[in-house]
Amino acid sequence: MIKGILFDLDGTLINTNKLIIDSFQYALKKHFNREVPIEEIVTTFGEPLTETMAKFDKDNRDLLVNIYRDYNETNHDKLTTKFEGVEAGLKSLKALGIKLGIVTSKRRILADRGLKLIDIYDYMDVIVTPEDTKKHKPQGEPAEKACKLLGISPEETIMVGDSHNDILCGRNAGCSTCLVKYTALPMEKLMKYKPDYVIDKIEDLIDICKSSEKEVI
């Protein structure tokens, strides 16, 4: 029986795809004076920013992070939108008694800002950000931490996201996993990670949770 659902934030509940891509391109253009293909950027979705920037330039990681964050924070609210059906889906899940949480690689200050920007902050029972764990996605510790805070087991939980890092994080914690079809990453590559569920919209989780109740009965 499903008692809790953990959500990635960017690209899953809020549409920050353009913001993230633009932020990377701005930082890398300023630092390297060259264009980085979008395809290369989207493969890093879900990773902690410091780890990603270290891949581009280990010695100047912190500088790249600072350039990225300056652009990202300045343009965050302007380039952030909500995905259709997110709030309706969360509201219905709460009505079923499902506990909801966020497991994100986004820093706490911006995670809270994004959730409040699209009016879904109050639906969340717990928010786990990189400041809360030693290990990060794709390791299972962030999802494990969220389950512990919610008082439920990973086996009773679904981890929902738009990247392979989300699927791996959930699986490594012992959760079921769910991929959203509106991901910016290539679906055929993500399906190789074998998520337990694939959904068109957040509202589809309602039927999944109801089905889990029938299985128990």
N, C-alpha and C. Protein backbone atom coordinates (compact mmCIF):
# COMPACT_ATOMS: atom_id res chain seq x y z
N MET A 1 0.84 -1.21 0.00
CA MET A 1 0.00 0.00 0.00
C MET A 1 0.88 1.25 0.00
N ILE A 2 0.56 2.18 -0.88
CA ILE A 2 1.33 3.41 -0.98
C ILE A 2 0.85 4.40 0.08
N LYS A 3 1.78 4.82 0.94
CA LYS A 3 1.45 5.80 1.98
C LYS A 3 2.12 7.15 1.76
N GLY A 4 3.13 7.19 0.88
CA GLY A 4 3.83 8.45 0.66
C GLY A 4 4.36 8.57 -0.75
N ILE A 5 4.47 9.78 -1.22
CA ILE A 5 5.05 10.06 -2.54
C ILE A 5 6.08 11.17 -2.40
N LEU A 6 7.27 10.91 -2.92
CA LEU A 6 8.35 11.88 -2.92
C LEU A 6 8.53 12.43 -4.32
N PHE A 7 8.64 13.73 -4.43
CA PHE A 7 8.76 14.37 -5.73
C PHE A 7 10.11 15.07 -5.88
N ASP A 8 10.72 14.87 -7.04
CA ASP A 8 11.75 15.79 -7.47
C ASP A 8 11.04 17.12 -7.71
N LEU A 9 11.78 18.21 -7.74
CA LEU A 9 11.14 19.52 -7.90
C LEU A 9 11.26 20.06 -9.33
N ASP A 10 12.47 20.44 -9.72
CA ASP A 10 12.67 21.01 -11.05
C ASP A 10 12.41 19.99 -12.15
N GLY A 11 11.55 20.36 -13.09
CA GLY A 11 11.24 19.47 -14.20
C GLY A 11 10.20 18.43 -13.88
N THR A 12 9.75 18.39 -12.61
CA THR A 12 8.75 17.42 -12.19
C THR A 12 7.49 18.13 -11.70
N LEU A 13 7.64 19.03 -10.75
CA LEU A 13 6.51 19.81 -10.26
C LEU A 13 6.51 21.23 -10.81
N ILE A 14 7.70 21.80 -10.98
CA ILE A 14 7.78 23.15 -11.55
C ILE A 14 8.66 23.12 -12.80
N ASN A 15 8.26 23.89 -13.78
CA ASN A 15 8.97 23.90 -15.04
C ASN A 15 10.08 24.95 -15.02
N THR A 16 11.26 24.50 -14.69
CA THR A 16 12.44 25.37 -14.67
C THR A 16 13.45 24.94 -15.73
N ASN A 17 13.01 24.15 -16.70
CA ASN A 17 13.93 23.62 -17.70
C ASN A 17 14.67 24.74 -18.43
N LYS A 18 13.95 25.75 -18.89
CA LYS A 18 14.58 26.85 -19.60
C LYS A 18 15.51 27.62 -18.68
N LEU A 19 15.08 27.84 -17.44
CA LEU A 19 15.90 28.55 -16.47
C LEU A 19 17.23 27.84 -16.24
N ILE A 20 17.18 26.54 -16.05
CA ILE A 20 18.39 25.76 -15.79
C ILE A 20 19.31 25.76 -17.00
N ILE A 21 18.74 25.51 -18.17
CA ILE A 21 19.54 25.50 -19.39
C ILE A 21 20.18 26.86 -19.64
N ASP A 22 19.39 27.92 -19.51
CA ASP A 22 19.93 29.27 -19.71
C ASP A 22 21.03 29.60 -18.70
N SER A 23 20.84 29.14 -17.45
CA SER A 23 21.82 29.42 -16.40
C SER A 23 23.15 28.72 -16.69
N PHE A 24 23.07 27.46 -17.14
CA PHE A 24 24.28 26.73 -17.51
C PHE A 24 24.97 27.40 -18.70
N GLN A 25 24.19 27.72 -19.71
CA GLN A 25 24.78 28.30 -20.91
C GLN A 25 25.44 29.66 -20.61
N TYR A 26 24.80 30.43 -19.75
CA TYR A 26 25.37 31.72 -19.38
C TYR A 26 26.70 31.54 -18.66
N ALA A 27 26.71 30.63 -17.66
CA ALA A 27 27.92 30.42 -16.87
C ALA A 27 29.06 29.85 -17.71
N LEU A 28 28.74 28.87 -18.54
CA LEU A 28 29.79 28.22 -19.32
C LEU A 28 30.29 29.12 -20.46
N LYS A 29 29.39 29.92 -21.00
CA LYS A 29 29.80 30.87 -22.04
C LYS A 29 30.72 31.94 -21.44
N LYS A 30 30.37 32.42 -20.26
CA LYS A 30 31.17 33.45 -19.61
C LYS A 30 32.54 32.92 -19.20
N HIS A 31 32.59 31.66 -18.75
CA HIS A 31 33.84 31.09 -18.25
C HIS A 31 34.73 30.55 -19.38
N PHE A 32 34.11 29.79 -20.30
CA PHE A 32 34.89 29.14 -21.36
C PHE A 32 34.84 29.88 -22.69
N ASN A 33 33.87 30.81 -22.79
CA ASN A 33 33.60 31.50 -24.06
C ASN A 33 33.29 30.52 -25.19
N ARG A 34 32.46 29.53 -24.85
CA ARG A 34 32.01 28.59 -25.87
C ARG A 34 30.60 28.10 -25.54
N GLU A 35 29.90 27.66 -26.57
CA GLU A 35 28.55 27.15 -26.40
C GLU A 35 28.62 25.68 -26.00
N VAL A 36 27.78 25.28 -25.05
CA VAL A 36 27.67 23.89 -24.66
C VAL A 36 26.31 23.38 -25.12
N PRO A 37 26.26 22.28 -25.85
CA PRO A 37 24.98 21.78 -26.38
C PRO A 37 23.96 21.52 -25.28
N ILE A 38 22.71 21.82 -25.59
CA ILE A 38 21.63 21.58 -24.62
C ILE A 38 21.58 20.12 -24.21
N GLU A 39 21.84 19.23 -25.17
CA GLU A 39 21.80 17.79 -24.89
C GLU A 39 22.79 17.40 -23.79
N GLU A 40 23.91 18.07 -23.77
CA GLU A 40 24.93 17.80 -22.74
C GLU A 40 24.48 18.33 -21.38
N ILE A 41 23.78 19.44 -21.39
CA ILE A 41 23.31 20.05 -20.14
C ILE A 41 22.20 19.23 -19.50
N VAL A 42 21.23 18.78 -20.30
CA VAL A 42 20.07 18.09 -19.72
C VAL A 42 20.44 16.75 -19.10
N THR A 43 21.54 16.15 -19.54
CA THR A 43 21.95 14.88 -18.93
C THR A 43 22.38 15.05 -17.48
N THR A 44 22.63 16.30 -17.07
CA THR A 44 23.06 16.56 -15.68
C THR A 44 21.87 16.87 -14.77
N PHE A 45 20.66 16.94 -15.34
CA PHE A 45 19.49 17.28 -14.53
C PHE A 45 19.36 16.34 -13.33
N GLY A 46 19.13 16.91 -12.17
CA GLY A 46 18.96 16.11 -10.96
C GLY A 46 20.21 16.00 -10.11
N GLU A 47 21.36 16.34 -10.68
CA GLU A 47 22.61 16.28 -9.92
C GLU A 47 22.79 17.54 -9.09
N PRO A 48 23.50 17.44 -7.97
CA PRO A 48 23.89 18.66 -7.24
C PRO A 48 24.75 19.53 -8.13
N LEU A 49 24.53 20.82 -8.08
CA LEU A 49 25.20 21.75 -8.97
C LEU A 49 26.72 21.68 -8.87
N THR A 50 27.24 21.58 -7.64
CA THR A 50 28.70 21.56 -7.47
C THR A 50 29.34 20.36 -8.16
N GLU A 51 28.65 19.22 -8.14
CA GLU A 51 29.17 18.03 -8.80
C GLU A 51 29.18 18.21 -10.31
N THR A 52 28.12 18.81 -10.83
CA THR A 52 28.04 19.03 -12.27
C THR A 52 29.13 19.98 -12.74
N MET A 53 29.30 21.09 -12.04
CA MET A 53 30.30 22.07 -12.45
C MET A 53 31.72 21.52 -12.35
N ALA A 54 31.94 20.61 -11.42
CA ALA A 54 33.26 19.99 -11.30
C ALA A 54 33.59 19.16 -12.54
N LYS A 55 32.57 18.63 -13.19
CA LYS A 55 32.79 17.86 -14.42
C LYS A 55 33.27 18.77 -15.55
N PHE A 56 32.78 20.00 -15.56
CA PHE A 56 33.18 20.94 -16.60
C PHE A 56 34.55 21.55 -16.32
N ASP A 57 34.83 21.83 -15.04
CA ASP A 57 36.12 22.43 -14.67
C ASP A 57 36.31 22.26 -13.17
N LYS A 58 37.00 21.20 -12.80
CA LYS A 58 37.18 20.87 -11.39
C LYS A 58 37.86 21.99 -10.61
N ASP A 59 38.88 22.59 -11.20
CA ASP A 59 39.66 23.62 -10.50
C ASP A 59 38.88 24.90 -10.28
N ASN A 60 37.92 25.18 -11.17
CA ASN A 60 37.14 26.42 -11.07
C ASN A 60 35.67 26.15 -10.78
N ARG A 61 35.43 25.03 -10.12
CA ARG A 61 34.05 24.63 -9.81
C ARG A 61 33.29 25.72 -9.08
N ASP A 62 33.86 26.25 -8.04
CA ASP A 62 33.16 27.24 -7.21
C ASP A 62 32.85 28.51 -7.99
N LEU A 63 33.76 28.90 -8.86
CA LEU A 63 33.54 30.08 -9.68
C LEU A 63 32.35 29.85 -10.62
N LEU A 64 32.30 28.69 -11.25
CA LEU A 64 31.19 28.36 -12.14
C LEU A 64 29.87 28.33 -11.38
N VAL A 65 29.89 27.76 -10.20
CA VAL A 65 28.69 27.70 -9.37
C VAL A 65 28.18 29.10 -9.06
N ASN A 66 29.08 29.98 -8.71
CA ASN A 66 28.69 31.35 -8.36
C ASN A 66 28.10 32.10 -9.55
N ILE A 67 28.71 31.93 -10.72
CA ILE A 67 28.20 32.58 -11.93
C ILE A 67 26.80 32.05 -12.25
N TYR A 68 26.66 30.73 -12.17
CA TYR A 68 25.37 30.09 -12.42
C TYR A 68 24.30 30.61 -11.46
N ARG A 69 24.62 30.61 -10.19
CA ARG A 69 23.63 30.99 -9.18
C ARG A 69 23.23 32.46 -9.31
N ASP A 70 24.16 33.30 -9.65
CA ASP A 70 23.84 34.71 -9.82
C ASP A 70 22.80 34.90 -10.92
N TYR A 71 23.01 34.24 -12.05
CA TYR A 71 22.05 34.34 -13.15
C TYR A 71 20.73 33.67 -12.79
N ASN A 72 20.84 32.47 -12.19
CA ASN A 72 19.66 31.67 -11.87
C ASN A 72 18.74 32.39 -10.88
N GLU A 73 19.32 32.93 -9.83
CA GLU A 73 18.51 33.58 -8.81
C GLU A 73 17.89 34.88 -9.33
N THR A 74 18.62 35.57 -10.19
CA THR A 74 18.09 36.81 -10.76
C THR A 74 16.90 36.56 -11.67
N ASN A 75 16.93 35.44 -12.40
CA ASN A 75 15.89 35.15 -13.40
C ASN A 75 14.90 34.07 -12.98
N HIS A 76 15.03 33.57 -11.74
CA HIS A 76 14.24 32.44 -11.28
C HIS A 76 12.73 32.64 -11.45
N ASP A 77 12.20 33.68 -10.90
CA ASP A 77 10.74 33.87 -10.91
C ASP A 77 10.21 34.16 -12.31
N LYS A 78 11.01 34.83 -13.12
CA LYS A 78 10.59 35.19 -14.48
C LYS A 78 10.51 33.97 -15.39
N LEU A 79 11.41 33.01 -15.19
CA LEU A 79 11.50 31.86 -16.09
C LEU A 79 10.93 30.58 -15.51
N THR A 80 10.27 30.66 -14.36
CA THR A 80 9.67 29.48 -13.73
C THR A 80 8.16 29.47 -13.96
N THR A 81 7.64 28.32 -14.41
CA THR A 81 6.20 28.17 -14.63
C THR A 81 5.75 26.87 -13.99
N LYS A 82 4.44 26.67 -13.92
CA LYS A 82 3.91 25.44 -13.34
C LYS A 82 3.46 24.48 -14.44
N PHE A 83 3.63 23.20 -14.17
CA PHE A 83 3.12 22.19 -15.08
C PHE A 83 1.61 22.03 -14.85
N GLU A 84 0.89 21.78 -15.92
CA GLU A 84 -0.56 21.63 -15.84
C GLU A 84 -0.95 20.44 -14.96
N GLY A 85 -1.92 20.65 -14.09
CA GLY A 85 -2.46 19.57 -13.27
C GLY A 85 -1.71 19.26 -12.01
N VAL A 86 -0.60 19.96 -11.74
CA VAL A 86 0.21 19.66 -10.56
C VAL A 86 -0.57 19.94 -9.27
N GLU A 87 -1.11 21.14 -9.13
CA GLU A 87 -1.80 21.47 -7.89
C GLU A 87 -3.04 20.61 -7.68
N ALA A 88 -3.78 20.36 -8.74
CA ALA A 88 -4.98 19.51 -8.62
C ALA A 88 -4.60 18.09 -8.19
N GLY A 89 -3.50 17.59 -8.75
CA GLY A 89 -3.04 16.26 -8.38
C GLY A 89 -2.61 16.17 -6.94
N LEU A 90 -1.85 17.16 -6.49
CA LEU A 90 -1.39 17.17 -5.09
C LEU A 90 -2.57 17.27 -4.13
N LYS A 91 -3.52 18.09 -4.47
CA LYS A 91 -4.71 18.26 -3.62
C LYS A 91 -5.47 16.95 -3.48
N SER A 92 -5.62 16.22 -4.57
CA SER A 92 -6.34 14.95 -4.53
C SER A 92 -5.56 13.89 -3.76
N LEU A 93 -4.25 13.89 -3.90
CA LEU A 93 -3.42 12.93 -3.16
C LEU A 93 -3.51 13.18 -1.66
N LYS A 94 -3.50 14.44 -1.26
CA LYS A 94 -3.64 14.78 0.16
C LYS A 94 -4.99 14.32 0.68
N ALA A 95 -6.03 14.44 -0.16
CA ALA A 95 -7.38 14.02 0.25
C ALA A 95 -7.45 12.52 0.48
N LEU A 96 -6.55 11.77 -0.19
CA LEU A 96 -6.49 10.32 0.01
C LEU A 96 -5.71 9.94 1.26
N GLY A 97 -5.08 10.93 1.89
CA GLY A 97 -4.27 10.66 3.08
C GLY A 97 -2.83 10.32 2.76
N ILE A 98 -2.41 10.57 1.53
CA ILE A 98 -1.03 10.29 1.13
C ILE A 98 -0.11 11.38 1.66
N LYS A 99 1.01 10.98 2.24
CA LYS A 99 2.00 11.94 2.71
C LYS A 99 2.87 12.35 1.52
N LEU A 100 3.16 13.64 1.43
CA LEU A 100 3.90 14.17 0.29
C LEU A 100 5.21 14.83 0.71
N GLY A 101 6.23 14.62 -0.10
CA GLY A 101 7.52 15.22 0.22
C GLY A 101 8.29 15.62 -1.03
N ILE A 102 9.26 16.49 -0.83
CA ILE A 102 10.16 16.92 -1.90
C ILE A 102 11.55 16.36 -1.63
N VAL A 103 12.16 15.79 -2.66
CA VAL A 103 13.56 15.36 -2.59
C VAL A 103 14.25 16.00 -3.78
N THR A 104 15.01 17.04 -3.54
CA THR A 104 15.58 17.84 -4.61
C THR A 104 17.06 18.11 -4.43
N SER A 105 17.73 18.36 -5.54
CA SER A 105 19.13 18.77 -5.51
C SER A 105 19.25 20.29 -5.46
N LYS A 106 18.12 20.96 -5.38
CA LYS A 106 18.07 22.42 -5.32
C LYS A 106 18.27 22.87 -3.88
N ARG A 107 19.01 23.96 -3.69
CA ARG A 107 19.23 24.47 -2.33
C ARG A 107 17.92 24.86 -1.67
N ARG A 108 17.89 24.79 -0.36
CA ARG A 108 16.67 25.05 0.42
C ARG A 108 16.04 26.40 0.08
N ILE A 109 16.84 27.45 0.01
CA ILE A 109 16.29 28.79 -0.19
C ILE A 109 15.53 28.89 -1.51
N LEU A 110 16.06 28.24 -2.57
CA LEU A 110 15.39 28.30 -3.86
C LEU A 110 14.29 27.26 -3.99
N ALA A 111 14.42 26.13 -3.30
CA ALA A 111 13.35 25.13 -3.31
C ALA A 111 12.09 25.72 -2.68
N ASP A 112 12.26 26.34 -1.53
CA ASP A 112 11.11 26.97 -0.86
C ASP A 112 10.52 28.07 -1.74
N ARG A 113 11.40 28.84 -2.36
CA ARG A 113 10.95 29.94 -3.22
C ARG A 113 10.13 29.43 -4.41
N GLY A 114 10.61 28.35 -5.03
CA GLY A 114 9.89 27.79 -6.16
C GLY A 114 8.55 27.21 -5.78
N LEU A 115 8.49 26.50 -4.66
CA LEU A 115 7.24 25.91 -4.19
C LEU A 115 6.20 26.98 -3.87
N LYS A 116 6.66 28.05 -3.26
CA LYS A 116 5.74 29.14 -2.91
C LYS A 116 5.32 29.93 -4.15
N LEU A 117 6.21 30.01 -5.11
CA LEU A 117 5.92 30.76 -6.34
C LEU A 117 4.72 30.18 -7.07
N ILE A 118 4.60 28.85 -7.08
CA ILE A 118 3.48 28.23 -7.79
C ILE A 118 2.42 27.67 -6.82
N ASP A 119 2.47 28.14 -5.58
CA ASP A 119 1.42 27.87 -4.58
C ASP A 119 1.24 26.39 -4.23
N ILE A 120 2.34 25.65 -4.09
CA ILE A 120 2.21 24.25 -3.67
C ILE A 120 3.03 23.94 -2.41
N TYR A 121 3.62 24.95 -1.82
CA TYR A 121 4.47 24.76 -0.64
C TYR A 121 3.71 24.07 0.49
N ASP A 122 2.47 24.49 0.73
CA ASP A 122 1.70 23.99 1.87
C ASP A 122 1.24 22.54 1.71
N TYR A 123 1.38 21.98 0.52
CA TYR A 123 0.99 20.58 0.32
C TYR A 123 2.07 19.62 0.83
N MET A 124 3.27 20.12 1.04
CA MET A 124 4.40 19.26 1.36
C MET A 124 4.55 19.03 2.87
N ASP A 125 4.69 17.75 3.22
CA ASP A 125 4.90 17.39 4.63
C ASP A 125 6.38 17.43 4.99
N VAL A 126 7.24 17.31 4.00
CA VAL A 126 8.68 17.35 4.26
C VAL A 126 9.40 17.81 2.99
N ILE A 127 10.50 18.51 3.18
CA ILE A 127 11.31 18.96 2.05
C ILE A 127 12.77 18.62 2.36
N VAL A 128 13.36 17.77 1.53
CA VAL A 128 14.76 17.37 1.72
C VAL A 128 15.60 17.98 0.60
N THR A 129 16.60 18.76 0.99
CA THR A 129 17.49 19.44 0.05
C THR A 129 18.93 18.98 0.31
N PRO A 130 19.89 19.40 -0.52
CA PRO A 130 21.28 18.96 -0.33
C PRO A 130 21.86 19.30 1.04
N GLU A 131 21.31 20.33 1.68
CA GLU A 131 21.82 20.70 3.00
C GLU A 131 21.49 19.64 4.07
N ASP A 132 20.57 18.73 3.76
CA ASP A 132 20.07 17.78 4.75
C ASP A 132 20.77 16.43 4.77
N THR A 133 21.57 16.14 3.75
CA THR A 133 22.21 14.82 3.68
C THR A 133 23.68 14.95 3.28
N LYS A 134 24.45 13.92 3.61
CA LYS A 134 25.85 13.89 3.22
C LYS A 134 25.98 13.39 1.78
N LYS A 135 25.16 12.41 1.43
CA LYS A 135 25.16 11.88 0.07
C LYS A 135 23.95 12.42 -0.68
N HIS A 136 24.07 12.52 -1.99
CA HIS A 136 23.02 13.13 -2.79
C HIS A 136 22.62 12.21 -3.95
N LYS A 137 21.59 12.62 -4.68
CA LYS A 137 21.19 11.85 -5.86
C LYS A 137 22.41 11.62 -6.75
N PRO A 138 22.56 10.43 -7.31
CA PRO A 138 21.61 9.32 -7.36
C PRO A 138 21.67 8.35 -6.18
N GLN A 139 22.43 8.68 -5.15
CA GLN A 139 22.45 7.83 -3.96
C GLN A 139 21.07 7.86 -3.28
N GLY A 140 20.79 6.85 -2.48
CA GLY A 140 19.46 6.74 -1.89
C GLY A 140 19.23 7.55 -0.63
N GLU A 141 20.29 8.12 -0.05
CA GLU A 141 20.15 8.80 1.24
C GLU A 141 19.08 9.90 1.28
N PRO A 142 18.96 10.76 0.26
CA PRO A 142 17.91 11.79 0.33
C PRO A 142 16.49 11.21 0.45
N ALA A 143 16.20 10.17 -0.32
CA ALA A 143 14.88 9.55 -0.24
C ALA A 143 14.70 8.81 1.08
N GLU A 144 15.76 8.17 1.55
CA GLU A 144 15.69 7.50 2.85
C GLU A 144 15.40 8.51 3.96
N LYS A 145 16.05 9.66 3.89
CA LYS A 145 15.84 10.72 4.88
C LYS A 145 14.40 11.20 4.87
N ALA A 146 13.84 11.40 3.69
CA ALA A 146 12.45 11.86 3.58
C ALA A 146 11.48 10.84 4.15
N CYS A 147 11.71 9.57 3.85
CA CYS A 147 10.84 8.51 4.39
C CYS A 147 10.89 8.49 5.92
N LYS A 148 12.08 8.61 6.45
CA LYS A 148 12.24 8.61 7.91
C LYS A 148 11.49 9.77 8.54
N LEU A 149 11.59 10.95 7.94
CA LEU A 149 10.90 12.13 8.46
C LEU A 149 9.39 11.99 8.36
N LEU A 150 8.93 11.28 7.33
CA LEU A 150 7.49 11.08 7.14
C LEU A 150 6.95 9.94 8.00
N GLY A 151 7.85 9.12 8.54
CA GLY A 151 7.42 8.01 9.37
C GLY A 151 6.85 6.85 8.58
N ILE A 152 7.36 6.66 7.36
CA ILE A 152 6.91 5.55 6.52
C ILE A 152 8.13 4.83 5.98
N SER A 153 7.92 3.61 5.50
CA SER A 153 9.04 2.84 4.96
C SER A 153 9.19 3.12 3.46
N PRO A 154 10.39 2.95 2.92
CA PRO A 154 10.59 3.13 1.48
C PRO A 154 9.68 2.23 0.64
N GLU A 155 9.38 1.05 1.17
CA GLU A 155 8.53 0.11 0.44
C GLU A 155 7.11 0.63 0.29
N GLU A 156 6.73 1.61 1.08
CA GLU A 156 5.40 2.21 1.03
C GLU A 156 5.40 3.53 0.26
N THR A 157 6.50 3.78 -0.46
CA THR A 157 6.73 5.11 -1.03
C THR A 157 7.07 5.04 -2.51
N ILE A 158 6.63 6.04 -3.25
CA ILE A 158 7.00 6.20 -4.66
C ILE A 158 7.86 7.46 -4.80
N MET A 159 8.97 7.33 -5.51
CA MET A 159 9.80 8.48 -5.85
C MET A 159 9.51 8.88 -7.29
N VAL A 160 9.08 10.13 -7.49
CA VAL A 160 8.66 10.62 -8.81
C VAL A 160 9.65 11.65 -9.32
N GLY A 161 10.09 11.51 -10.56
CA GLY A 161 11.03 12.49 -11.10
C GLY A 161 11.10 12.49 -12.61
N ASP A 162 11.97 13.34 -13.13
CA ASP A 162 12.10 13.50 -14.58
C ASP A 162 13.46 13.07 -15.10
N SER A 163 14.30 12.48 -14.24
CA SER A 163 15.64 12.10 -14.68
C SER A 163 16.06 10.75 -14.11
N HIS A 164 17.12 10.22 -14.68
CA HIS A 164 17.68 8.95 -14.21
C HIS A 164 18.18 9.08 -12.78
N ASN A 165 18.62 10.27 -12.39
CA ASN A 165 19.09 10.46 -11.02
C ASN A 165 17.96 10.29 -10.01
N ASP A 166 16.74 10.67 -10.38
CA ASP A 166 15.59 10.49 -9.51
C ASP A 166 15.21 9.01 -9.39
N ILE A 167 15.22 8.33 -10.53
CA ILE A 167 14.89 6.90 -10.53
C ILE A 167 15.90 6.13 -9.69
N LEU A 168 17.17 6.43 -9.88
CA LEU A 168 18.21 5.72 -9.12
C LEU A 168 18.15 6.05 -7.64
N CYS A 169 17.89 7.30 -7.30
CA CYS A 169 17.77 7.70 -5.90
C CYS A 169 16.66 6.91 -5.22
N GLY A 170 15.50 6.86 -5.86
CA GLY A 170 14.39 6.11 -5.28
C GLY A 170 14.69 4.63 -5.15
N ARG A 171 15.24 4.06 -6.21
CA ARG A 171 15.52 2.62 -6.19
C ARG A 171 16.58 2.29 -5.15
N ASN A 172 17.62 3.10 -5.06
CA ASN A 172 18.67 2.84 -4.07
C ASN A 172 18.17 2.94 -2.64
N ALA A 173 17.07 3.69 -2.45
CA ALA A 173 16.48 3.80 -1.11
C ALA A 173 15.49 2.68 -0.83
N GLY A 174 15.08 1.96 -1.88
CA GLY A 174 14.10 0.89 -1.71
C GLY A 174 12.68 1.32 -2.04
N CYS A 175 12.53 2.49 -2.66
CA CYS A 175 11.21 2.99 -3.05
C CYS A 175 10.82 2.45 -4.43
N SER A 176 9.52 2.49 -4.73
CA SER A 176 9.09 2.33 -6.11
C SER A 176 9.46 3.62 -6.84
N THR A 177 9.53 3.57 -8.15
CA THR A 177 9.95 4.75 -8.89
C THR A 177 8.96 5.09 -10.00
N CYS A 178 8.91 6.37 -10.33
CA CYS A 178 7.96 6.85 -11.33
C CYS A 178 8.60 7.95 -12.16
N LEU A 179 8.46 7.85 -13.47
CA LEU A 179 9.01 8.83 -14.41
C LEU A 179 7.89 9.63 -15.05
N VAL A 180 8.07 10.94 -15.15
CA VAL A 180 7.08 11.78 -15.84
C VAL A 180 7.46 11.86 -17.32
N LYS A 181 6.46 11.73 -18.19
CA LYS A 181 6.71 11.70 -19.63
C LYS A 181 7.11 13.06 -20.19
N TYR A 182 6.80 14.12 -19.46
CA TYR A 182 7.12 15.45 -19.98
C TYR A 182 8.55 15.88 -19.65
N THR A 183 9.40 14.94 -19.31
CA THR A 183 10.80 15.19 -19.05
C THR A 183 11.48 15.82 -20.26
N ALA A 184 12.52 16.60 -20.01
CA ALA A 184 13.30 17.20 -21.09
C ALA A 184 14.36 16.23 -21.61
N LEU A 185 14.58 15.15 -20.89
CA LEU A 185 15.57 14.15 -21.29
C LEU A 185 14.95 13.15 -22.26
N PRO A 186 15.75 12.46 -23.07
CA PRO A 186 15.23 11.47 -24.02
C PRO A 186 14.56 10.30 -23.29
N MET A 187 13.29 10.07 -23.60
CA MET A 187 12.55 9.00 -22.94
C MET A 187 13.18 7.63 -23.14
N GLU A 188 13.68 7.38 -24.35
CA GLU A 188 14.21 6.05 -24.64
C GLU A 188 15.42 5.73 -23.76
N LYS A 189 16.19 6.74 -23.41
CA LYS A 189 17.34 6.52 -22.53
C LYS A 189 16.89 6.32 -21.09
N LEU A 190 15.89 7.09 -20.66
CA LEU A 190 15.41 6.98 -19.28
C LEU A 190 14.71 5.64 -19.04
N MET A 191 14.05 5.11 -20.04
CA MET A 191 13.33 3.85 -19.88
C MET A 191 14.28 2.68 -19.64
N LYS A 192 15.55 2.85 -19.97
CA LYS A 192 16.54 1.81 -19.70
C LYS A 192 16.75 1.62 -18.20
N TYR A 193 16.36 2.63 -17.42
CA TYR A 193 16.49 2.53 -15.96
C TYR A 193 15.28 1.84 -15.32
N LYS A 194 14.31 1.48 -16.14
CA LYS A 194 13.15 0.67 -15.75
C LYS A 194 12.38 1.23 -14.54
N PRO A 195 11.81 2.43 -14.68
CA PRO A 195 10.94 2.94 -13.60
C PRO A 195 9.72 2.03 -13.44
N ASP A 196 9.19 1.95 -12.25
CA ASP A 196 8.03 1.10 -12.01
C ASP A 196 6.76 1.67 -12.65
N TYR A 197 6.70 2.99 -12.72
CA TYR A 197 5.54 3.65 -13.32
C TYR A 197 6.01 4.76 -14.25
N VAL A 198 5.19 5.04 -15.25
CA VAL A 198 5.42 6.17 -16.15
C VAL A 198 4.09 6.91 -16.29
N ILE A 199 4.10 8.22 -16.03
CA ILE A 199 2.85 8.97 -16.02
C ILE A 199 2.89 10.17 -16.96
N ASP A 200 1.72 10.55 -17.44
CA ASP A 200 1.59 11.74 -18.29
C ASP A 200 1.50 13.00 -17.45
N LYS A 201 0.89 12.88 -16.28
CA LYS A 201 0.67 14.04 -15.41
C LYS A 201 0.59 13.57 -13.97
N ILE A 202 0.78 14.49 -13.03
CA ILE A 202 0.80 14.16 -11.61
C ILE A 202 -0.53 13.54 -11.16
N GLU A 203 -1.61 13.95 -11.77
CA GLU A 203 -2.93 13.41 -11.41
C GLU A 203 -3.02 11.90 -11.62
N ASP A 204 -2.18 11.34 -12.50
CA ASP A 204 -2.20 9.90 -12.75
C ASP A 204 -1.80 9.10 -11.51
N LEU A 205 -1.11 9.74 -10.57
CA LEU A 205 -0.70 9.05 -9.35
C LEU A 205 -1.89 8.67 -8.47
N ILE A 206 -2.99 9.34 -8.65
CA ILE A 206 -4.19 9.06 -7.85
C ILE A 206 -4.63 7.63 -8.07
N ASP A 207 -4.76 7.23 -9.33
CA ASP A 207 -5.19 5.86 -9.65
C ASP A 207 -4.16 4.83 -9.19
N ILE A 208 -2.88 5.18 -9.26
CA ILE A 208 -1.83 4.26 -8.80
C ILE A 208 -1.98 4.01 -7.30
N CYS A 209 -2.23 5.07 -6.55
CA CYS A 209 -2.39 4.94 -5.10
C CYS A 209 -3.66 4.16 -4.75
N LYS A 210 -4.73 4.40 -5.48
CA LYS A 210 -5.99 3.68 -5.24
C LYS A 210 -5.82 2.20 -5.56
N SER A 211 -5.07 1.90 -6.60
CA SER A 211 -4.84 0.51 -6.97
C SER A 211 -4.03 -0.22 -5.89
N SER A 212 -3.11 0.49 -5.27
CA SER A 212 -2.30 -0.14 -4.22
C SER A 212 -3.15 -0.49 -3.02
N GLU A 213 -4.19 0.29 -2.75
CA GLU A 213 -5.11 0.00 -1.65
C GLU A 213 -5.90 -1.28 -1.95
N LYS A 214 -6.33 -1.44 -3.19
CA LYS A 214 -7.10 -2.63 -3.57
C LYS A 214 -6.26 -3.88 -3.47
N GLU A 215 -4.97 -3.75 -3.80
CA GLU A 215 -4.08 -4.91 -3.72
C GLU A 215 -3.95 -5.41 -2.29
N VAL A 216 -3.92 -4.49 -1.34
CA VAL A 216 -3.82 -4.85 0.08
C VAL A 216 -5.08 -5.55 0.54
N ILE A 217 -6.24 -5.01 0.11
CA ILE A 217 -7.54 -5.61 0.49
C ILE A 217 -7.66 -7.02 -0.11
